[in-house]
Amino acid sequence: MGRVGTTSAPQPREGTPAAPELLAPGSTWRLEAPLDLFSRPTGSGLATQAAPGRNLRILKSAPGVTRLRVRLAEDGYPGWLEPCQLLGRGRAAPVPPLARLSRAEIGDRVEQVLAFALTAMGVPNSYLWGGTVGPNYDCSGLVQSAFASVGIWLPRDAYLQERFCRPVAVRPGVTQLLEPGDLMFFGTARRCTHVGLHLSGGRYLHSSGREHGRNGLGIDNLNPRNHDPVASHYRAELRGAGRVMHSHDGSPLPS
């Protein structure tokens, strides 16, 4: 048998369990168990995670690479899998169309988005780079999962989420234009590196690592009189805020 995924083949019949000889470029699979996607064709670095029910497409890999290059259907996010990861965890399935939700429809679901994030914070957790399936999340993984829990798909990474949203004016102590469910963006002048979910009055829920005093989910705020070290760090790195106006269509986004 040749190397897995080197040639295109017809899409297997819907419901067919994943098997090595079926994992060809262009085939699409629905997950029945969570999967870790790697960031590179070799190594253990986590790119993201995919929950049961998500769909992926196998892409063409370079010669000599044993991992499968894949793209998640709902957010267009790429990654790498060992072929064995799909065995017993995926079935052939066409990629379903994604709902194109309006701002009004999104607004009707914001309360559930916030409830998901608050519930996640109540479960013991720690920060996990690439984490999206819980209980351990990274910052953008939490935000994406909270919205996805009610059928609203966002891009995967914080800087992509920033580009995706409509800007909302905000600065420390001036938060009147923010609404619950808006996203708050942090980082350097050049790039967004962190995102949180606005609750109310400048309070935001986010997942942050040990480096800035916390290891997991917590709530901070933009009050200039708040001298908590975590809140102070992120307040100094505030870039802006954004509002989710529509749902993502699954197309790949430029990096």
Protein backbone atom coordinates (compact mmCIF):
# COMPACT_ATOMS: atom_id res chain seq x y z
CA MET A 1 0.00 0.00 0.00
CA GLY A 2 1.31 3.46 -0.88
CA ARG A 3 1.72 6.40 1.46
CA VAL A 4 -1.54 7.62 2.94
CA GLY A 5 -3.08 10.67 1.31
CA THR A 6 -0.81 11.02 -1.73
CA THR A 7 -3.41 10.74 -4.50
CA SER A 8 -6.93 11.99 -4.94
CA ALA A 9 -9.72 9.43 -4.74
CA PRO A 10 -13.51 9.50 -4.83
CA GLN A 11 -15.21 10.61 -1.65
CA PRO A 12 -16.09 7.51 0.38
CA ARG A 13 -19.77 6.76 0.85
CA GLU A 14 -21.33 8.82 3.63
CA GLY A 15 -20.99 7.12 7.01
CA THR A 16 -18.01 5.00 6.02
CA PRO A 17 -15.57 4.73 8.95
CA ALA A 18 -12.13 6.23 8.34
CA ALA A 19 -9.59 3.71 7.08
CA PRO A 20 -5.98 4.30 5.95
CA GLU A 21 -6.70 3.65 2.27
CA LEU A 22 -9.58 6.16 2.28
CA LEU A 23 -7.71 9.15 3.70
CA ALA A 24 -7.01 10.79 0.35
CA PRO A 25 -6.76 14.50 -0.50
CA GLY A 26 -10.20 16.01 -1.02
CA SER A 27 -12.04 13.55 1.20
CA THR A 28 -14.14 15.04 4.00
CA TRP A 29 -14.78 13.58 7.43
CA ARG A 30 -17.06 14.26 10.41
CA LEU A 31 -15.49 13.72 13.81
CA GLU A 32 -17.02 11.47 16.42
CA ALA A 33 -14.42 12.22 19.09
CA PRO A 34 -12.19 15.21 19.90
CA LEU A 35 -8.91 15.52 18.03
CA ASP A 36 -5.71 17.49 18.53
CA LEU A 37 -4.31 19.15 15.40
CA PHE A 38 -0.58 19.78 15.25
CA SER A 39 0.95 23.03 14.05
CA ARG A 40 3.67 21.37 11.92
CA PRO A 41 4.24 18.19 9.94
CA THR A 42 6.55 17.00 12.73
CA GLY A 43 6.73 17.70 16.44
CA SER A 44 4.24 17.91 19.28
CA GLY A 45 3.18 21.57 19.04
CA LEU A 46 -0.59 21.93 19.30
CA ALA A 47 -2.30 24.11 16.69
CA THR A 48 -5.91 23.69 17.76
CA GLN A 49 -8.45 21.11 18.82
CA ALA A 50 -11.59 19.88 17.08
CA ALA A 51 -14.70 18.81 18.97
CA PRO A 52 -17.00 15.95 17.99
CA GLY A 53 -19.35 16.98 15.20
CA ARG A 54 -16.81 19.13 13.42
CA ASN A 55 -15.86 18.48 9.81
CA LEU A 56 -12.48 18.47 8.11
CA ARG A 57 -11.08 18.11 4.63
CA ILE A 58 -7.83 16.35 3.86
CA LEU A 59 -5.44 18.46 1.80
CA LYS A 60 -2.53 17.45 -0.37
CA SER A 61 0.68 16.97 1.59
CA ALA A 62 4.27 17.32 0.43
CA PRO A 63 6.14 14.17 -0.63
CA GLY A 64 7.69 12.30 2.28
CA VAL A 65 5.34 13.73 4.92
CA THR A 66 3.46 11.07 6.85
CA ARG A 67 1.06 13.39 8.67
CA LEU A 68 -2.14 14.47 6.97
CA ARG A 69 -2.53 18.14 6.12
CA VAL A 70 -6.15 19.03 6.94
CA ARG A 71 -8.44 22.03 7.11
CA LEU A 72 -11.35 22.37 9.51
CA ALA A 73 -14.53 23.24 7.66
CA GLU A 74 -16.20 25.60 10.11
CA ASP A 75 -13.39 28.14 10.47
CA GLY A 76 -11.05 27.26 7.60
CA TYR A 77 -8.24 26.55 10.07
CA PRO A 78 -5.37 24.28 8.92
CA GLY A 79 -3.39 21.73 10.87
CA TRP A 80 -1.72 18.34 10.76
CA LEU A 81 -2.92 14.92 11.93
CA GLU A 82 -1.38 11.52 12.25
CA PRO A 83 -3.47 9.21 10.03
CA CYS A 84 -4.18 6.92 12.99
CA GLN A 85 -5.92 9.80 14.79
CA LEU A 86 -8.89 9.55 12.44
CA LEU A 87 -9.30 5.80 12.73
CA GLY A 88 -12.32 5.07 14.90
CA ARG A 89 -12.95 8.81 15.27
CA GLY A 90 -14.20 9.93 11.87
CA ARG A 91 -16.79 8.96 9.29
CA ALA A 92 -17.04 10.13 5.71
CA ALA A 93 -19.52 12.97 5.36
CA PRO A 94 -20.13 15.93 3.08
CA VAL A 95 -19.38 19.31 4.61
CA PRO A 96 -22.73 20.88 5.51
CA PRO A 97 -23.43 24.51 4.63
CA LEU A 98 -22.88 26.96 7.45
CA ALA A 99 -25.68 29.23 8.60
CA ARG A 100 -25.10 32.88 7.67
CA LEU A 101 -26.39 34.59 10.79
CA SER A 102 -27.25 38.28 10.95
CA ARG A 103 -26.32 40.65 13.75
CA ALA A 104 -29.88 40.45 15.09
CA GLU A 105 -29.71 36.66 15.23
CA ILE A 106 -26.31 36.82 16.92
CA GLY A 107 -27.59 39.34 19.44
CA ASP A 108 -30.40 36.97 20.39
CA ARG A 109 -27.80 34.33 21.31
CA VAL A 110 -25.29 36.48 23.22
CA GLU A 111 -26.74 35.60 26.62
CA GLN A 112 -26.08 31.91 25.89
CA VAL A 113 -22.56 32.72 24.69
CA LEU A 114 -21.80 34.42 28.01
CA ALA A 115 -23.41 31.57 29.95
CA PHE A 116 -21.11 29.08 28.22
CA ALA A 117 -18.02 31.07 29.18
CA LEU A 118 -19.12 31.57 32.78
CA THR A 119 -19.88 27.87 33.13
CA ALA A 120 -16.44 27.03 31.72
CA MET A 121 -14.83 29.28 34.31
CA GLY A 122 -16.60 27.33 37.06
CA VAL A 123 -14.87 24.08 36.05
CA PRO A 124 -11.25 23.49 37.18
CA ASN A 125 -9.08 24.54 34.26
CA SER A 126 -5.70 25.78 33.15
CA TYR A 127 -4.42 27.68 30.14
CA LEU A 128 -3.66 25.46 27.15
CA TRP A 129 -2.10 26.85 23.97
CA GLY A 130 -4.35 25.57 21.17
CA GLY A 131 -7.11 24.51 23.56
CA THR A 132 -10.69 24.74 22.29
CA VAL A 133 -12.59 21.72 23.64
CA GLY A 134 -12.29 22.39 27.38
CA PRO A 135 -11.84 22.35 30.21
CA ASN A 136 -8.52 23.94 29.21
CA TYR A 137 -8.60 26.78 26.68
CA ASP A 138 -6.38 29.40 25.19
CA CYS A 139 -7.81 32.91 24.86
CA SER A 140 -9.22 32.71 21.34
CA GLY A 141 -10.20 29.07 21.78
CA LEU A 142 -12.51 30.05 24.62
CA VAL A 143 -14.07 32.84 22.58
CA GLN A 144 -14.53 30.66 19.51
CA SER A 145 -16.01 27.79 21.53
CA ALA A 146 -18.42 30.05 23.41
CA PHE A 147 -19.86 31.38 20.16
CA ALA A 148 -19.76 27.98 18.44
CA SER A 149 -21.82 26.52 21.30
CA VAL A 150 -24.81 28.38 19.85
CA GLY A 151 -23.95 27.89 16.17
CA ILE A 152 -21.98 31.11 15.62
CA TRP A 153 -18.61 30.43 14.00
CA LEU A 154 -15.70 32.84 14.37
CA PRO A 155 -12.14 32.62 13.06
CA ARG A 156 -9.78 30.68 15.29
CA ASP A 157 -6.99 33.08 16.32
CA ALA A 158 -7.21 36.36 18.24
CA TYR A 159 -5.76 38.50 15.45
CA LEU A 160 -8.19 36.92 12.96
CA GLN A 161 -11.09 37.56 15.32
CA GLU A 162 -10.02 41.20 15.57
CA ARG A 163 -10.09 41.57 11.78
CA PHE A 164 -13.45 39.79 11.60
CA CYS A 165 -15.27 42.12 14.02
CA ARG A 166 -16.59 45.64 13.50
CA PRO A 167 -14.46 47.98 15.65
CA VAL A 168 -15.96 49.47 18.80
CA ALA A 169 -14.28 52.43 20.50
CA VAL A 170 -12.92 51.68 23.96
CA ARG A 171 -10.16 52.76 26.30
CA PRO A 172 -9.53 52.28 30.02
CA GLY A 173 -12.30 54.00 31.94
CA VAL A 174 -14.35 54.68 28.80
CA THR A 175 -16.44 51.60 28.05
CA GLN A 176 -19.92 53.02 27.42
CA LEU A 177 -20.07 51.82 23.81
CA LEU A 178 -19.31 48.21 24.68
CA GLU A 179 -22.10 45.63 24.71
CA PRO A 180 -22.15 42.20 26.35
CA GLY A 181 -20.61 39.70 23.95
CA ASP A 182 -18.25 42.19 22.32
CA LEU A 183 -14.64 41.04 22.01
CA MET A 184 -11.77 42.92 23.62
CA PHE A 185 -8.36 42.81 21.97
CA PHE A 186 -4.92 43.15 23.51
CA GLY A 187 -1.34 43.00 22.29
CA THR A 188 1.28 45.26 20.79
CA ALA A 189 0.92 48.14 18.36
CA ARG A 190 1.78 45.71 15.54
CA ARG A 191 -0.40 42.71 16.34
CA CYS A 192 -3.27 41.42 18.45
CA THR A 193 -2.06 38.61 20.70
CA HIS A 194 -4.92 38.18 23.21
CA VAL A 195 -8.71 38.35 23.29
CA GLY A 196 -11.37 38.45 25.99
CA LEU A 197 -15.15 38.31 26.07
CA HIS A 198 -16.86 41.45 27.37
CA LEU A 199 -19.45 40.87 30.07
CA SER A 200 -20.55 44.35 31.15
CA GLY A 201 -19.13 47.69 32.26
CA GLY A 202 -15.62 46.93 31.01
CA ARG A 203 -15.49 43.53 32.74
CA TYR A 204 -14.21 40.76 30.53
CA LEU A 205 -13.70 37.01 30.86
CA HIS A 206 -10.57 35.50 29.32
CA SER A 207 -8.06 32.68 29.52
CA SER A 208 -4.52 33.77 30.35
CA GLY A 209 -1.34 31.90 31.23
CA ARG A 210 1.03 31.86 34.19
CA GLU A 211 3.24 34.58 32.74
CA HIS A 212 0.87 37.35 33.81
CA GLY A 213 -0.28 35.97 37.14
CA ARG A 214 -3.06 33.52 36.27
CA ASN A 215 -3.26 30.10 34.70
CA GLY A 216 -6.74 29.71 33.24
CA LEU A 217 -10.07 31.49 33.06
CA GLY A 218 -10.80 34.61 35.05
CA ILE A 219 -12.58 37.96 34.99
CA ASP A 220 -10.74 41.29 34.86
CA ASN A 221 -11.78 44.85 34.08
CA LEU A 222 -10.53 48.07 32.49
CA ASN A 223 -10.98 50.27 35.55
CA PRO A 224 -7.80 52.42 35.80
CA ARG A 225 -8.01 52.18 39.59
CA ASN A 226 -7.76 48.40 39.50
CA HIS A 227 -4.14 47.58 40.37
CA ASP A 228 -4.46 43.81 40.19
CA PRO A 229 -1.34 42.65 38.27
CA VAL A 230 -3.28 40.65 35.66
CA ALA A 231 -5.78 43.45 35.01
CA SER A 232 -2.99 46.05 34.94
CA HIS A 233 -0.97 44.07 32.42
CA TYR A 234 -3.80 43.66 29.97
CA ARG A 235 -5.10 47.19 30.46
CA ALA A 236 -1.69 48.46 29.33
CA GLU A 237 -1.92 46.26 26.22
CA LEU A 238 -5.48 47.15 25.23
CA ARG A 239 -5.78 47.56 21.45
CA GLY A 240 -9.54 47.97 21.10
CA ALA A 241 -12.79 46.07 20.90
CA GLY A 242 -15.01 44.60 18.24
CA ARG A 243 -18.57 43.43 17.66
CA VAL A 244 -19.49 40.19 15.92
CA MET A 245 -21.78 41.28 13.09
CA HIS A 246 -22.14 37.98 11.22
CA SER A 247 -20.98 34.39 11.37
CA HIS A 248 -17.92 33.06 9.58
CA ASP A 249 -18.52 31.08 6.36
CA GLY A 250 -15.62 28.66 6.86
CA SER A 251 -13.40 30.09 4.16
CA PRO A 252 -9.64 30.27 4.87
CA LEU A 253 -8.52 33.71 6.07
CA PRO A 254 -5.18 35.35 5.24
CA SER A 255 -2.59 35.07 8.01
